[in-house]
Amino acid sequence: MSKLIVSNIMSLDGYVEGPGGNMMVLPMDGFFDSYNLERLRTAGTLLLGATTYTGLKGYWPQVAQDPTVSPAVAADPTVAEIHRETGTRNNQIAKIVISDSLTDDDTAPWTDTTTIVARAEAHSAVTALKEQAVDDILVFGSSILWNDLLTGGLVDELHLMVGSAAVGGGKPAFTGPVPSMKLLESRSEKNSENILLRYGLS
């Protein structure tokens, strides 16, 4: 049975998006990039909401071809290979999108690796996938989705990268009841102000 892992970045004051849906206020640095790749290397499936899926497919395929188009790589060329591998893995990995609005016509260039599941079927589909899969099921972004799965008892681990920025408003990380959690790991890196907190759900 596989684990469902939620991996996300949040501000010091608890937001996953800043005012107006602005994610660029969050400190997505080299530590963030390398940890995302670490998680992708152990995952067999990406589980996403429609908004996150649309954003990822509009960004990563071109970065896989040419990482210099990434603003992060333009700012720090040392992360170019991290971004290239991240883009390649995002292209190749099986993706499940929970959505009532997307159709197959909306999935290019990831049509061959994407399955769309209706929201009403999300819990049953995730339960079945956890029973059948071997590698991790990974949720990036998609805070509406992972809060629903968290409340439903389907999340095994929550990996939160907490940044040093306080954004003062926006979309809160948690939007419903939070189950009991146990801290499994904390991690920092020398050149980053971010801290990774890895929790197990009990």
N, C-alpha and C. Protein backbone atom coordinates (compact mmCIF):
# COMPACT_ATOMS: atom_id res chain seq x y z
N MET A 1 0.85 -1.20 0.00
CA MET A 1 0.00 0.00 0.00
C MET A 1 0.88 1.24 0.00
N SER A 2 0.56 2.20 -0.83
CA SER A 2 1.38 3.40 -0.96
C SER A 2 0.94 4.47 0.04
N LYS A 3 1.82 5.46 0.21
CA LYS A 3 1.52 6.61 1.06
C LYS A 3 1.09 7.79 0.20
N LEU A 4 0.15 8.56 0.72
CA LEU A 4 -0.23 9.82 0.08
C LEU A 4 0.49 10.93 0.84
N ILE A 5 1.34 11.63 0.12
CA ILE A 5 2.16 12.69 0.70
C ILE A 5 1.77 14.03 0.11
N VAL A 6 1.46 14.97 0.97
CA VAL A 6 1.19 16.36 0.56
C VAL A 6 2.46 17.16 0.80
N SER A 7 2.94 17.84 -0.22
CA SER A 7 4.14 18.67 -0.09
C SER A 7 3.81 20.08 -0.57
N ASN A 8 4.02 21.06 0.30
CA ASN A 8 3.62 22.42 -0.03
C ASN A 8 4.51 23.42 0.67
N ILE A 9 4.52 24.63 0.16
CA ILE A 9 5.22 25.74 0.81
C ILE A 9 4.20 26.70 1.40
N MET A 10 4.54 27.27 2.54
CA MET A 10 3.64 28.23 3.16
C MET A 10 4.47 29.34 3.81
N SER A 11 3.83 30.48 3.98
CA SER A 11 4.50 31.60 4.61
C SER A 11 4.58 31.38 6.13
N LEU A 12 5.38 32.17 6.78
CA LEU A 12 5.54 32.08 8.23
C LEU A 12 4.22 32.33 8.94
N ASP A 13 3.35 33.15 8.34
CA ASP A 13 2.06 33.43 8.96
C ASP A 13 0.94 32.53 8.42
N GLY A 14 1.30 31.45 7.73
CA GLY A 14 0.34 30.39 7.46
C GLY A 14 -0.44 30.45 6.17
N TYR A 15 0.10 31.10 5.14
CA TYR A 15 -0.62 31.20 3.87
C TYR A 15 0.12 30.45 2.76
N VAL A 16 -0.65 29.80 1.88
CA VAL A 16 -0.06 29.13 0.71
C VAL A 16 -0.14 29.99 -0.54
N GLU A 17 -0.86 31.08 -0.47
CA GLU A 17 -0.89 32.12 -1.51
C GLU A 17 -0.99 33.46 -0.82
N GLY A 18 -0.38 34.48 -1.43
CA GLY A 18 -0.52 35.82 -0.90
C GLY A 18 -1.80 36.47 -1.39
N PRO A 19 -2.02 37.73 -1.05
CA PRO A 19 -3.20 38.45 -1.50
C PRO A 19 -3.33 38.41 -3.03
N GLY A 20 -4.58 38.23 -3.50
CA GLY A 20 -4.82 38.18 -4.94
C GLY A 20 -4.33 36.91 -5.61
N GLY A 21 -4.09 35.87 -4.82
CA GLY A 21 -3.61 34.61 -5.39
C GLY A 21 -2.15 34.62 -5.78
N ASN A 22 -1.40 35.59 -5.30
CA ASN A 22 0.00 35.74 -5.67
C ASN A 22 0.87 34.71 -4.93
N MET A 23 1.41 33.73 -5.67
CA MET A 23 2.29 32.74 -5.07
C MET A 23 3.75 33.19 -5.07
N MET A 24 4.06 34.21 -5.86
CA MET A 24 5.46 34.62 -5.98
C MET A 24 5.97 35.32 -4.72
N VAL A 25 5.06 35.64 -3.79
CA VAL A 25 5.51 36.22 -2.53
C VAL A 25 6.10 35.16 -1.61
N LEU A 26 5.90 33.89 -1.94
CA LEU A 26 6.45 32.81 -1.13
C LEU A 26 7.91 32.56 -1.52
N PRO A 27 8.77 32.22 -0.55
CA PRO A 27 10.21 32.09 -0.82
C PRO A 27 10.57 30.75 -1.45
N MET A 28 10.29 30.61 -2.73
CA MET A 28 10.57 29.36 -3.45
C MET A 28 12.01 29.38 -3.95
N ASP A 29 12.91 28.96 -3.07
CA ASP A 29 14.34 29.06 -3.35
C ASP A 29 14.91 27.71 -3.81
N GLY A 30 16.24 27.59 -3.83
CA GLY A 30 16.88 26.36 -4.26
C GLY A 30 16.56 25.17 -3.37
N PHE A 31 16.40 25.40 -2.07
CA PHE A 31 16.00 24.33 -1.15
C PHE A 31 14.62 23.81 -1.51
N PHE A 32 13.71 24.70 -1.78
CA PHE A 32 12.36 24.33 -2.22
C PHE A 32 12.42 23.52 -3.51
N ASP A 33 13.21 23.98 -4.47
CA ASP A 33 13.32 23.27 -5.75
C ASP A 33 13.89 21.87 -5.58
N SER A 34 14.96 21.76 -4.81
CA SER A 34 15.61 20.47 -4.65
C SER A 34 14.74 19.50 -3.86
N TYR A 35 13.96 20.01 -2.90
CA TYR A 35 13.09 19.12 -2.14
C TYR A 35 11.93 18.62 -2.99
N ASN A 36 11.39 19.48 -3.84
CA ASN A 36 10.35 19.04 -4.76
C ASN A 36 10.85 17.91 -5.66
N LEU A 37 12.08 18.03 -6.15
CA LEU A 37 12.65 16.99 -6.99
C LEU A 37 12.86 15.71 -6.19
N GLU A 38 13.30 15.83 -4.97
CA GLU A 38 13.47 14.66 -4.10
C GLU A 38 12.16 13.89 -3.96
N ARG A 39 11.08 14.62 -3.78
CA ARG A 39 9.77 13.97 -3.63
C ARG A 39 9.32 13.33 -4.96
N LEU A 40 9.57 14.01 -6.07
CA LEU A 40 9.20 13.45 -7.37
C LEU A 40 9.94 12.15 -7.66
N ARG A 41 11.18 12.05 -7.21
CA ARG A 41 11.97 10.85 -7.47
C ARG A 41 11.41 9.61 -6.77
N THR A 42 10.63 9.80 -5.72
CA THR A 42 10.07 8.66 -4.99
C THR A 42 8.60 8.43 -5.31
N ALA A 43 8.02 9.27 -6.15
CA ALA A 43 6.58 9.20 -6.43
C ALA A 43 6.29 8.42 -7.71
N GLY A 44 5.13 7.77 -7.72
CA GLY A 44 4.66 7.11 -8.93
C GLY A 44 3.48 7.80 -9.55
N THR A 45 2.83 8.68 -8.76
CA THR A 45 1.63 9.38 -9.24
C THR A 45 1.61 10.79 -8.66
N LEU A 46 1.24 11.76 -9.49
CA LEU A 46 0.94 13.11 -9.03
C LEU A 46 -0.58 13.25 -8.94
N LEU A 47 -1.06 13.71 -7.81
CA LEU A 47 -2.48 13.94 -7.59
C LEU A 47 -2.68 15.44 -7.43
N LEU A 48 -3.50 16.04 -8.30
CA LEU A 48 -3.58 17.49 -8.39
C LEU A 48 -5.01 17.98 -8.54
N GLY A 49 -5.23 19.21 -8.09
CA GLY A 49 -6.45 19.92 -8.43
C GLY A 49 -6.30 20.57 -9.79
N ALA A 50 -7.41 21.04 -10.35
CA ALA A 50 -7.40 21.56 -11.71
C ALA A 50 -6.52 22.80 -11.87
N THR A 51 -6.55 23.71 -10.91
CA THR A 51 -5.77 24.94 -11.03
C THR A 51 -4.28 24.65 -11.01
N THR A 52 -3.84 23.82 -10.06
CA THR A 52 -2.42 23.48 -10.00
C THR A 52 -1.99 22.71 -11.24
N TYR A 53 -2.80 21.77 -11.67
CA TYR A 53 -2.48 20.99 -12.86
C TYR A 53 -2.29 21.91 -14.07
N THR A 54 -3.21 22.83 -14.27
CA THR A 54 -3.14 23.74 -15.41
C THR A 54 -1.88 24.59 -15.35
N GLY A 55 -1.53 25.05 -14.15
CA GLY A 55 -0.32 25.85 -14.00
C GLY A 55 0.94 25.05 -14.28
N LEU A 56 1.00 23.81 -13.78
CA LEU A 56 2.18 22.98 -13.99
C LEU A 56 2.38 22.61 -15.46
N LYS A 57 1.30 22.26 -16.14
CA LYS A 57 1.46 21.82 -17.54
C LYS A 57 1.76 23.00 -18.46
N GLY A 58 1.45 24.21 -18.01
CA GLY A 58 1.80 25.38 -18.79
C GLY A 58 3.22 25.86 -18.57
N TYR A 59 3.90 25.24 -17.60
CA TYR A 59 5.23 25.71 -17.21
C TYR A 59 6.32 24.67 -17.45
N TRP A 60 6.13 23.44 -16.92
CA TRP A 60 7.23 22.49 -16.87
C TRP A 60 7.63 21.87 -18.20
N PRO A 61 6.72 21.61 -19.14
CA PRO A 61 7.19 21.02 -20.41
C PRO A 61 8.25 21.87 -21.11
N GLN A 62 8.08 23.18 -21.13
CA GLN A 62 9.07 24.02 -21.79
C GLN A 62 10.36 24.11 -20.98
N VAL A 63 10.25 24.04 -19.63
CA VAL A 63 11.45 24.07 -18.79
C VAL A 63 12.27 22.79 -18.98
N ALA A 64 11.58 21.66 -19.18
CA ALA A 64 12.29 20.41 -19.45
C ALA A 64 13.13 20.50 -20.72
N GLN A 65 12.62 21.23 -21.70
CA GLN A 65 13.34 21.42 -22.96
C GLN A 65 14.47 22.44 -22.82
N ASP A 66 14.20 23.50 -22.07
CA ASP A 66 15.17 24.59 -21.94
C ASP A 66 15.01 25.24 -20.58
N PRO A 67 15.77 24.81 -19.57
CA PRO A 67 15.58 25.34 -18.22
C PRO A 67 15.85 26.83 -18.09
N THR A 68 16.52 27.44 -19.06
CA THR A 68 16.81 28.87 -18.94
C THR A 68 15.55 29.72 -19.07
N VAL A 69 14.43 29.13 -19.52
CA VAL A 69 13.19 29.91 -19.58
C VAL A 69 12.57 30.08 -18.19
N SER A 70 13.06 29.34 -17.21
CA SER A 70 12.56 29.46 -15.84
C SER A 70 13.13 30.72 -15.18
N PRO A 71 12.30 31.58 -14.61
CA PRO A 71 12.81 32.75 -13.88
C PRO A 71 13.77 32.38 -12.75
N ALA A 72 13.52 31.22 -12.11
CA ALA A 72 14.40 30.79 -11.03
C ALA A 72 15.80 30.48 -11.56
N VAL A 73 15.87 29.86 -12.74
CA VAL A 73 17.16 29.56 -13.34
C VAL A 73 17.85 30.82 -13.82
N ALA A 74 17.08 31.77 -14.34
CA ALA A 74 17.65 33.05 -14.75
C ALA A 74 18.29 33.76 -13.56
N ALA A 75 17.65 33.63 -12.39
CA ALA A 75 18.18 34.27 -11.18
C ALA A 75 19.35 33.50 -10.58
N ASP A 76 19.33 32.16 -10.75
CA ASP A 76 20.38 31.32 -10.17
C ASP A 76 20.65 30.16 -11.11
N PRO A 77 21.60 30.30 -12.03
CA PRO A 77 21.87 29.25 -13.03
C PRO A 77 22.27 27.91 -12.43
N THR A 78 22.69 27.87 -11.17
CA THR A 78 23.11 26.61 -10.56
C THR A 78 21.95 25.64 -10.38
N VAL A 79 20.70 26.11 -10.47
CA VAL A 79 19.55 25.21 -10.30
C VAL A 79 19.02 24.71 -11.64
N ALA A 80 19.74 24.96 -12.72
CA ALA A 80 19.25 24.59 -14.06
C ALA A 80 18.97 23.10 -14.18
N GLU A 81 19.89 22.26 -13.73
CA GLU A 81 19.68 20.81 -13.88
C GLU A 81 18.58 20.30 -12.97
N ILE A 82 18.39 20.92 -11.81
CA ILE A 82 17.26 20.57 -10.94
C ILE A 82 15.96 20.85 -11.67
N HIS A 83 15.87 21.98 -12.33
CA HIS A 83 14.66 22.34 -13.04
C HIS A 83 14.45 21.47 -14.28
N ARG A 84 15.53 21.12 -14.97
CA ARG A 84 15.39 20.26 -16.14
C ARG A 84 14.85 18.88 -15.73
N GLU A 85 15.44 18.31 -14.68
CA GLU A 85 14.97 16.99 -14.23
C GLU A 85 13.55 17.06 -13.68
N THR A 86 13.24 18.13 -12.97
CA THR A 86 11.87 18.29 -12.46
C THR A 86 10.88 18.35 -13.60
N GLY A 87 11.20 19.11 -14.64
CA GLY A 87 10.32 19.20 -15.79
C GLY A 87 10.16 17.87 -16.49
N THR A 88 11.25 17.13 -16.65
CA THR A 88 11.20 15.83 -17.31
C THR A 88 10.35 14.85 -16.51
N ARG A 89 10.54 14.82 -15.21
CA ARG A 89 9.76 13.91 -14.37
C ARG A 89 8.29 14.30 -14.35
N ASN A 90 8.00 15.59 -14.32
CA ASN A 90 6.59 16.03 -14.39
C ASN A 90 5.95 15.61 -15.71
N ASN A 91 6.72 15.64 -16.78
CA ASN A 91 6.20 15.20 -18.08
C ASN A 91 5.85 13.71 -18.07
N GLN A 92 6.68 12.92 -17.41
CA GLN A 92 6.60 11.46 -17.51
C GLN A 92 5.67 10.82 -16.49
N ILE A 93 5.53 11.39 -15.32
CA ILE A 93 4.81 10.75 -14.23
C ILE A 93 3.31 10.67 -14.51
N ALA A 94 2.68 9.62 -14.01
CA ALA A 94 1.22 9.51 -14.12
C ALA A 94 0.57 10.60 -13.28
N LYS A 95 -0.45 11.23 -13.84
CA LYS A 95 -1.12 12.34 -13.16
C LYS A 95 -2.62 12.08 -13.06
N ILE A 96 -3.16 12.29 -11.87
CA ILE A 96 -4.61 12.23 -11.66
C ILE A 96 -5.07 13.62 -11.26
N VAL A 97 -6.05 14.14 -11.99
CA VAL A 97 -6.57 15.48 -11.72
C VAL A 97 -8.00 15.35 -11.22
N ILE A 98 -8.26 15.93 -10.07
CA ILE A 98 -9.61 15.94 -9.52
C ILE A 98 -10.31 17.19 -10.02
N SER A 99 -11.30 17.01 -10.91
CA SER A 99 -11.93 18.18 -11.53
C SER A 99 -13.27 17.81 -12.14
N ASP A 100 -14.22 18.71 -12.01
CA ASP A 100 -15.49 18.58 -12.71
C ASP A 100 -15.54 19.44 -13.97
N SER A 101 -14.50 20.22 -14.22
CA SER A 101 -14.52 21.15 -15.34
C SER A 101 -13.57 20.77 -16.47
N LEU A 102 -12.43 20.15 -16.16
CA LEU A 102 -11.47 19.80 -17.20
C LEU A 102 -11.96 18.63 -18.04
N THR A 103 -11.59 18.63 -19.32
CA THR A 103 -11.84 17.51 -20.22
C THR A 103 -10.50 17.09 -20.83
N ASP A 104 -10.52 16.00 -21.59
CA ASP A 104 -9.29 15.56 -22.25
C ASP A 104 -8.72 16.62 -23.17
N ASP A 105 -9.56 17.47 -23.71
CA ASP A 105 -9.09 18.54 -24.59
C ASP A 105 -8.23 19.56 -23.86
N ASP A 106 -8.32 19.57 -22.53
CA ASP A 106 -7.57 20.54 -21.72
C ASP A 106 -6.25 19.99 -21.23
N THR A 107 -5.86 18.78 -21.61
CA THR A 107 -4.72 18.13 -20.98
C THR A 107 -3.43 18.15 -21.78
N ALA A 108 -3.46 18.58 -23.04
CA ALA A 108 -2.23 18.63 -23.84
C ALA A 108 -1.23 19.59 -23.20
N PRO A 109 0.06 19.25 -23.15
CA PRO A 109 0.72 18.10 -23.78
C PRO A 109 0.83 16.87 -22.87
N TRP A 110 0.02 16.81 -21.83
CA TRP A 110 0.11 15.71 -20.87
C TRP A 110 -1.05 14.72 -21.01
N THR A 111 -1.70 14.69 -22.15
CA THR A 111 -2.88 13.86 -22.32
C THR A 111 -2.61 12.38 -22.03
N ASP A 112 -1.48 11.87 -22.51
CA ASP A 112 -1.19 10.44 -22.37
C ASP A 112 -0.89 10.03 -20.94
N THR A 113 -0.56 10.98 -20.09
CA THR A 113 -0.21 10.64 -18.70
C THR A 113 -1.23 11.15 -17.69
N THR A 114 -2.38 11.64 -18.17
CA THR A 114 -3.37 12.27 -17.29
C THR A 114 -4.68 11.50 -17.27
N THR A 115 -5.21 11.32 -16.05
CA THR A 115 -6.55 10.78 -15.84
C THR A 115 -7.36 11.80 -15.06
N ILE A 116 -8.55 12.12 -15.52
CA ILE A 116 -9.42 13.08 -14.84
C ILE A 116 -10.46 12.30 -14.03
N VAL A 117 -10.59 12.70 -12.76
CA VAL A 117 -11.54 12.06 -11.85
C VAL A 117 -12.49 13.13 -11.32
N ALA A 118 -13.79 12.85 -11.34
CA ALA A 118 -14.78 13.80 -10.82
C ALA A 118 -14.61 13.98 -9.33
N ARG A 119 -14.96 15.17 -8.86
CA ARG A 119 -14.78 15.48 -7.44
C ARG A 119 -15.56 14.52 -6.53
N ALA A 120 -16.74 14.13 -6.95
CA ALA A 120 -17.55 13.24 -6.13
C ALA A 120 -16.91 11.86 -5.97
N GLU A 121 -16.01 11.52 -6.88
CA GLU A 121 -15.36 10.21 -6.85
C GLU A 121 -13.95 10.27 -6.28
N ALA A 122 -13.53 11.44 -5.81
CA ALA A 122 -12.14 11.63 -5.40
C ALA A 122 -11.73 10.69 -4.28
N HIS A 123 -12.52 10.60 -3.22
CA HIS A 123 -12.12 9.79 -2.07
C HIS A 123 -12.03 8.32 -2.43
N SER A 124 -13.00 7.82 -3.18
CA SER A 124 -12.97 6.41 -3.55
C SER A 124 -11.81 6.13 -4.50
N ALA A 125 -11.53 7.05 -5.42
CA ALA A 125 -10.43 6.87 -6.36
C ALA A 125 -9.08 6.89 -5.64
N VAL A 126 -8.93 7.79 -4.68
CA VAL A 126 -7.68 7.87 -3.94
C VAL A 126 -7.49 6.64 -3.05
N THR A 127 -8.57 6.19 -2.42
CA THR A 127 -8.50 4.98 -1.59
C THR A 127 -8.06 3.79 -2.42
N ALA A 128 -8.65 3.64 -3.61
CA ALA A 128 -8.29 2.52 -4.48
C ALA A 128 -6.84 2.63 -4.94
N LEU A 129 -6.41 3.85 -5.27
CA LEU A 129 -5.04 4.05 -5.73
C LEU A 129 -4.04 3.71 -4.63
N LYS A 130 -4.33 4.11 -3.40
CA LYS A 130 -3.43 3.81 -2.28
C LYS A 130 -3.30 2.31 -2.07
N GLU A 131 -4.37 1.58 -2.30
CA GLU A 131 -4.34 0.13 -2.13
C GLU A 131 -3.58 -0.57 -3.24
N GLN A 132 -3.57 0.03 -4.43
CA GLN A 132 -2.98 -0.63 -5.59
C GLN A 132 -1.54 -0.19 -5.87
N ALA A 133 -1.23 1.06 -5.58
CA ALA A 133 0.06 1.61 -5.97
C ALA A 133 1.17 1.13 -5.04
N VAL A 134 2.40 1.23 -5.54
CA VAL A 134 3.58 0.87 -4.76
C VAL A 134 4.34 2.12 -4.34
N ASP A 135 4.58 3.00 -5.28
CA ASP A 135 5.31 4.24 -5.00
C ASP A 135 4.39 5.30 -4.41
N ASP A 136 4.99 6.35 -3.87
CA ASP A 136 4.23 7.42 -3.23
C ASP A 136 3.25 8.07 -4.20
N ILE A 137 2.13 8.53 -3.65
CA ILE A 137 1.20 9.41 -4.34
C ILE A 137 1.49 10.81 -3.82
N LEU A 138 1.78 11.74 -4.70
CA LEU A 138 2.28 13.05 -4.29
C LEU A 138 1.30 14.15 -4.69
N VAL A 139 0.97 15.00 -3.74
CA VAL A 139 0.14 16.18 -4.00
C VAL A 139 1.02 17.42 -3.86
N PHE A 140 1.10 18.21 -4.93
CA PHE A 140 1.75 19.52 -4.89
C PHE A 140 0.67 20.59 -4.99
N GLY A 141 0.89 21.71 -4.32
CA GLY A 141 -0.10 22.79 -4.42
C GLY A 141 -1.46 22.26 -4.03
N SER A 142 -2.49 22.59 -4.82
CA SER A 142 -3.81 21.95 -4.71
C SER A 142 -4.35 21.97 -3.29
N SER A 143 -4.34 23.13 -2.66
CA SER A 143 -4.69 23.20 -1.23
C SER A 143 -6.15 22.84 -0.96
N ILE A 144 -7.06 23.16 -1.88
CA ILE A 144 -8.46 22.76 -1.68
C ILE A 144 -8.56 21.24 -1.65
N LEU A 145 -7.86 20.60 -2.58
CA LEU A 145 -7.89 19.14 -2.66
C LEU A 145 -7.27 18.52 -1.42
N TRP A 146 -6.06 18.96 -1.04
CA TRP A 146 -5.42 18.25 0.07
C TRP A 146 -6.10 18.53 1.41
N ASN A 147 -6.73 19.69 1.56
CA ASN A 147 -7.49 19.91 2.79
C ASN A 147 -8.69 18.96 2.86
N ASP A 148 -9.33 18.71 1.73
CA ASP A 148 -10.43 17.76 1.69
C ASP A 148 -9.95 16.35 2.01
N LEU A 149 -8.81 15.95 1.45
CA LEU A 149 -8.26 14.63 1.71
C LEU A 149 -7.77 14.51 3.15
N LEU A 150 -7.25 15.60 3.69
CA LEU A 150 -6.79 15.61 5.08
C LEU A 150 -7.97 15.38 6.02
N THR A 151 -9.05 16.10 5.79
CA THR A 151 -10.26 15.92 6.60
C THR A 151 -10.82 14.51 6.45
N GLY A 152 -10.67 13.93 5.26
CA GLY A 152 -11.18 12.60 5.00
C GLY A 152 -10.28 11.47 5.49
N GLY A 153 -9.16 11.82 6.11
CA GLY A 153 -8.28 10.81 6.66
C GLY A 153 -7.45 10.06 5.64
N LEU A 154 -7.23 10.66 4.47
CA LEU A 154 -6.53 9.97 3.39
C LEU A 154 -5.08 10.40 3.22
N VAL A 155 -4.63 11.40 3.98
CA VAL A 155 -3.25 11.88 3.89
C VAL A 155 -2.40 11.16 4.92
N ASP A 156 -1.26 10.62 4.47
CA ASP A 156 -0.35 9.90 5.37
C ASP A 156 0.74 10.80 5.93
N GLU A 157 1.25 11.70 5.10
CA GLU A 157 2.29 12.62 5.56
C GLU A 157 2.04 14.00 4.96
N LEU A 158 2.35 15.01 5.75
CA LEU A 158 2.24 16.40 5.33
C LEU A 158 3.62 17.04 5.45
N HIS A 159 4.16 17.47 4.31
CA HIS A 159 5.49 18.07 4.26
C HIS A 159 5.30 19.56 3.98
N LEU A 160 5.59 20.37 4.96
CA LEU A 160 5.41 21.81 4.83
C LEU A 160 6.76 22.51 4.86
N MET A 161 7.06 23.24 3.81
CA MET A 161 8.24 24.09 3.81
C MET A 161 7.79 25.48 4.24
N VAL A 162 8.24 25.89 5.41
CA VAL A 162 7.81 27.16 5.99
C VAL A 162 8.85 28.21 5.69
N GLY A 163 8.42 29.25 4.98
CA GLY A 163 9.33 30.30 4.57
C GLY A 163 9.42 31.42 5.60
N SER A 164 10.44 32.24 5.45
CA SER A 164 10.66 33.34 6.39
C SER A 164 9.76 34.54 6.10
N ALA A 165 9.04 34.51 4.99
CA ALA A 165 8.19 35.65 4.61
C ALA A 165 6.85 35.59 5.33
N ALA A 166 6.39 36.73 5.83
CA ALA A 166 5.02 36.88 6.34
C ALA A 166 4.27 37.74 5.33
N VAL A 167 3.20 37.18 4.75
CA VAL A 167 2.55 37.86 3.62
C VAL A 167 1.32 38.65 4.03
N GLY A 168 0.79 38.42 5.22
CA GLY A 168 -0.28 39.27 5.75
C GLY A 168 -1.68 38.96 5.28
N GLY A 169 -1.86 37.96 4.41
CA GLY A 169 -3.19 37.62 3.93
C GLY A 169 -3.09 36.73 2.71
N GLY A 170 -4.25 36.28 2.22
CA GLY A 170 -4.27 35.40 1.06
C GLY A 170 -5.03 34.13 1.36
N LYS A 171 -4.55 33.01 0.86
CA LYS A 171 -5.22 31.72 1.08
C LYS A 171 -4.53 30.98 2.22
N PRO A 172 -5.24 30.69 3.31
CA PRO A 172 -4.61 29.98 4.43
C PRO A 172 -4.29 28.54 4.08
N ALA A 173 -3.24 28.00 4.70
CA ALA A 173 -2.85 26.62 4.44
C ALA A 173 -3.95 25.65 4.84
N PHE A 174 -4.55 25.88 6.00
CA PHE A 174 -5.56 24.97 6.52
C PHE A 174 -6.93 25.64 6.49
N THR A 175 -7.91 24.92 5.95
CA THR A 175 -9.25 25.49 5.81
C THR A 175 -10.31 24.68 6.53
N GLY A 176 -9.90 23.66 7.27
CA GLY A 176 -10.86 22.83 8.01
C GLY A 176 -10.18 22.20 9.21
N PRO A 177 -10.85 21.25 9.85
CA PRO A 177 -10.26 20.58 11.01
C PRO A 177 -8.94 19.89 10.64
N VAL A 178 -7.96 19.98 11.53
CA VAL A 178 -6.66 19.37 11.29
C VAL A 178 -6.49 18.17 12.22
N PRO A 179 -6.30 16.97 11.67
CA PRO A 179 -6.11 15.80 12.52
C PRO A 179 -4.83 15.91 13.35
N SER A 180 -4.71 15.05 14.31
CA SER A 180 -3.49 14.99 15.13
C SER A 180 -2.29 14.64 14.25
N MET A 181 -1.18 15.34 14.46
CA MET A 181 0.01 15.12 13.66
C MET A 181 1.22 14.91 14.56
N LYS A 182 2.18 14.13 14.05
CA LYS A 182 3.42 13.87 14.77
C LYS A 182 4.59 14.35 13.92
N LEU A 183 5.45 15.17 14.50
CA LEU A 183 6.62 15.66 13.76
C LEU A 183 7.60 14.52 13.54
N LEU A 184 7.88 14.22 12.26
CA LEU A 184 8.80 13.15 11.91
C LEU A 184 10.20 13.66 11.61
N GLU A 185 10.29 14.89 11.11
CA GLU A 185 11.58 15.43 10.70
C GLU A 185 11.49 16.93 10.57
N SER A 186 12.57 17.61 10.90
CA SER A 186 12.73 19.01 10.53
C SER A 186 14.08 19.13 9.83
N ARG A 187 14.13 20.00 8.83
CA ARG A 187 15.34 20.09 8.03
C ARG A 187 15.56 21.52 7.58
N SER A 188 16.80 21.92 7.55
CA SER A 188 17.15 23.24 7.01
C SER A 188 18.40 23.09 6.16
N GLU A 189 18.68 24.11 5.37
CA GLU A 189 19.89 24.14 4.57
C GLU A 189 20.62 25.44 4.81
N LYS A 190 21.92 25.40 4.67
CA LYS A 190 22.79 26.52 5.02
C LYS A 190 22.42 27.80 4.31
N ASN A 191 22.10 27.71 3.02
CA ASN A 191 21.86 28.91 2.22
C ASN A 191 20.39 29.25 2.05
N SER A 192 19.54 28.71 2.92
CA SER A 192 18.10 28.97 2.81
C SER A 192 17.55 29.41 4.16
N GLU A 193 16.59 30.32 4.11
CA GLU A 193 15.89 30.74 5.33
C GLU A 193 14.64 29.89 5.58
N ASN A 194 14.37 28.92 4.70
CA ASN A 194 13.21 28.06 4.83
C ASN A 194 13.51 26.89 5.77
N ILE A 195 12.45 26.35 6.37
CA ILE A 195 12.56 25.16 7.21
C ILE A 195 11.53 24.15 6.74
N LEU A 196 11.94 22.91 6.55
CA LEU A 196 11.04 21.83 6.17
C LEU A 196 10.55 21.13 7.44
N LEU A 197 9.24 20.99 7.56
CA LEU A 197 8.60 20.26 8.65
C LEU A 197 7.83 19.10 8.04
N ARG A 198 8.19 17.88 8.44
CA ARG A 198 7.54 16.69 7.89
C ARG A 198 6.72 16.02 9.00
N TYR A 199 5.42 15.93 8.78
CA TYR A 199 4.52 15.39 9.80
C TYR A 199 3.89 14.08 9.32
N GLY A 200 3.69 13.16 10.25
CA GLY A 200 2.87 11.98 10.01
C GLY A 200 1.50 12.20 10.61
N LEU A 201 0.50 11.68 9.94
CA LEU A 201 -0.88 11.83 10.41
C LEU A 201 -1.24 10.59 11.22
N SER A 202 -1.81 10.81 12.39
CA SER A 202 -2.17 9.69 13.27
C SER A 202 -3.69 9.54 13.34
